[in-house]
């Protein structure tokens, strides 16, 4: 099951990469909105680790995190394609893309297990 989820996450990440490279226009304004939504979902997930909630709500939270991480990944690839990344920021962007892949994988595993 884990190999299937890993392969599925890799395929999703590749499709997000293609989508990010093909989106025309300037999307720099949407980054702060998406990042704020990711932080809110992250805070909710931390809070609900200590309070009992229904399994359905945790499934919804994991699915929202997958969706927002996917949207933010497309945003990052659009920024990379538009040359808004300076040379000193390349390592940070590479680390973020790695963490984005890991977050997608972890939350897809959470969705599949529920």
Protein backbone atom coordinates (compact mmCIF):
# COMPACT_ATOMS: atom_id res chain seq x y z
CA UNK A 1 0.00 0.00 0.00
CA UNK A 2 2.81 2.44 0.84
CA UNK A 3 4.51 1.89 -2.50
CA UNK A 4 1.25 2.63 -4.30
CA UNK A 5 0.76 5.81 -2.28
CA UNK A 6 4.37 6.88 -2.97
CA UNK A 7 3.98 6.31 -6.72
CA UNK A 8 0.65 8.16 -6.69
CA UNK A 9 2.21 11.08 -4.82
CA UNK A 10 5.09 11.21 -7.30
CA UNK A 11 2.65 11.28 -10.21
CA UNK A 12 0.61 14.02 -8.53
CA UNK A 13 3.78 16.03 -7.87
CA UNK A 14 4.85 15.71 -11.51
CA UNK A 15 1.40 16.85 -12.67
CA UNK A 16 1.58 19.80 -10.27
CA UNK A 17 4.99 20.66 -11.71
CA UNK A 18 3.61 20.66 -15.25
CA UNK A 19 0.63 22.77 -14.15
CA UNK A 20 2.92 25.25 -12.43
CA UNK A 21 5.11 25.58 -15.48
CA UNK A 22 2.18 26.06 -17.87
CA UNK A 23 0.13 28.66 -15.92
CA UNK A 24 0.50 32.03 -17.63
CA UNK A 25 0.36 35.36 -15.89
CA UNK A 26 1.43 36.87 -12.61
CA UNK A 27 0.38 34.93 -9.51
CA UNK A 28 2.59 36.64 -6.94
CA UNK A 29 -0.40 38.12 -5.07
CA UNK A 30 -1.92 34.73 -4.32
CA UNK A 31 1.09 33.40 -2.41
CA UNK A 32 0.31 35.17 0.85
CA UNK A 33 -3.31 34.00 0.78
CA UNK A 34 -2.34 30.37 0.17
CA UNK A 35 0.41 30.49 2.79
CA UNK A 36 -1.99 31.96 5.36
CA UNK A 37 -4.51 29.19 4.67
CA UNK A 38 -1.74 26.59 5.09
CA UNK A 39 -0.71 28.09 8.43
CA UNK A 40 -4.34 28.10 9.64
CA UNK A 41 -4.79 24.43 8.68
CA UNK A 42 -1.46 23.59 10.34
CA UNK A 43 -2.49 25.36 13.59
CA UNK A 44 -5.82 23.52 13.58
CA UNK A 45 -4.02 20.20 13.12
CA UNK A 46 -1.73 20.98 16.08
CA UNK A 47 -4.66 22.01 18.29
CA UNK A 48 -6.69 18.93 17.41
CA UNK A 49 -3.82 16.63 18.35
CA UNK A 50 -4.64 17.45 21.98
CA UNK A 51 -8.45 17.54 21.77
CA UNK A 52 -10.58 14.57 20.75
CA UNK A 53 -12.43 15.09 17.48
CA UNK A 54 -14.23 12.81 15.09
CA UNK A 55 -12.32 10.80 12.55
CA UNK A 56 -14.30 12.44 9.74
CA UNK A 57 -13.05 15.88 10.75
CA UNK A 58 -9.44 14.69 10.77
CA UNK A 59 -9.98 13.21 7.30
CA UNK A 60 -11.36 16.56 6.13
CA UNK A 61 -8.38 18.36 7.69
CA UNK A 62 -5.89 16.06 5.95
CA UNK A 63 -7.70 16.44 2.63
CA UNK A 64 -7.66 20.25 2.96
CA UNK A 65 -3.95 20.15 3.76
CA UNK A 66 -3.32 18.05 0.63
CA UNK A 67 -5.33 20.49 -1.49
CA UNK A 68 -3.61 23.59 -0.13
CA UNK A 69 -0.15 22.02 -0.39
CA UNK A 70 -0.89 21.12 -4.01
CA UNK A 71 -2.02 24.67 -4.78
CA UNK A 72 1.05 26.13 -3.06
CA UNK A 73 3.31 23.75 -5.02
CA UNK A 74 1.80 24.98 -8.29
CA UNK A 75 2.36 28.54 -7.06
CA UNK A 76 6.02 27.83 -6.26
CA UNK A 77 6.66 26.31 -9.69
CA UNK A 78 4.98 29.30 -11.32
CA UNK A 79 7.26 31.62 -9.35
CA UNK A 80 10.30 29.56 -10.40
CA UNK A 81 9.22 29.63 -14.05
CA UNK A 82 8.68 33.40 -13.92
CA UNK A 83 12.27 33.91 -12.69
CA UNK A 84 11.23 35.50 -9.41
CA UNK A 85 13.73 33.31 -7.56
CA UNK A 86 17.17 34.78 -7.01
CA UNK A 87 20.32 32.69 -6.96
CA UNK A 88 20.62 32.83 -3.17
CA UNK A 89 17.05 31.52 -2.79
CA UNK A 90 17.52 28.37 -4.86
CA UNK A 91 18.46 26.14 -1.92
CA UNK A 92 15.49 27.37 0.11
CA UNK A 93 13.11 26.72 -2.77
CA UNK A 94 14.56 23.23 -3.28
CA UNK A 95 14.09 22.46 0.42
CA UNK A 96 10.53 23.77 0.26
CA UNK A 97 9.73 21.57 -2.75
CA UNK A 98 11.14 18.55 -0.92
CA UNK A 99 9.02 19.37 2.14
CA UNK A 100 6.02 19.91 -0.09
CA UNK A 101 6.46 16.43 -1.55
CA UNK A 102 6.84 14.98 1.94
CA UNK A 103 3.71 16.80 3.19
CA UNK A 104 1.72 15.54 0.23
CA UNK A 105 2.93 12.00 0.89
CA UNK A 106 2.21 12.11 4.62
CA UNK A 107 -1.26 13.57 4.22
CA UNK A 108 -2.22 11.26 1.36
CA UNK A 109 -1.21 8.36 3.62
CA UNK A 110 -3.44 9.85 6.34
CA UNK A 111 -6.35 10.12 3.91
CA UNK A 112 -5.88 6.56 2.64
CA UNK A 113 -5.67 5.08 6.14
CA UNK A 114 -8.93 6.70 7.26
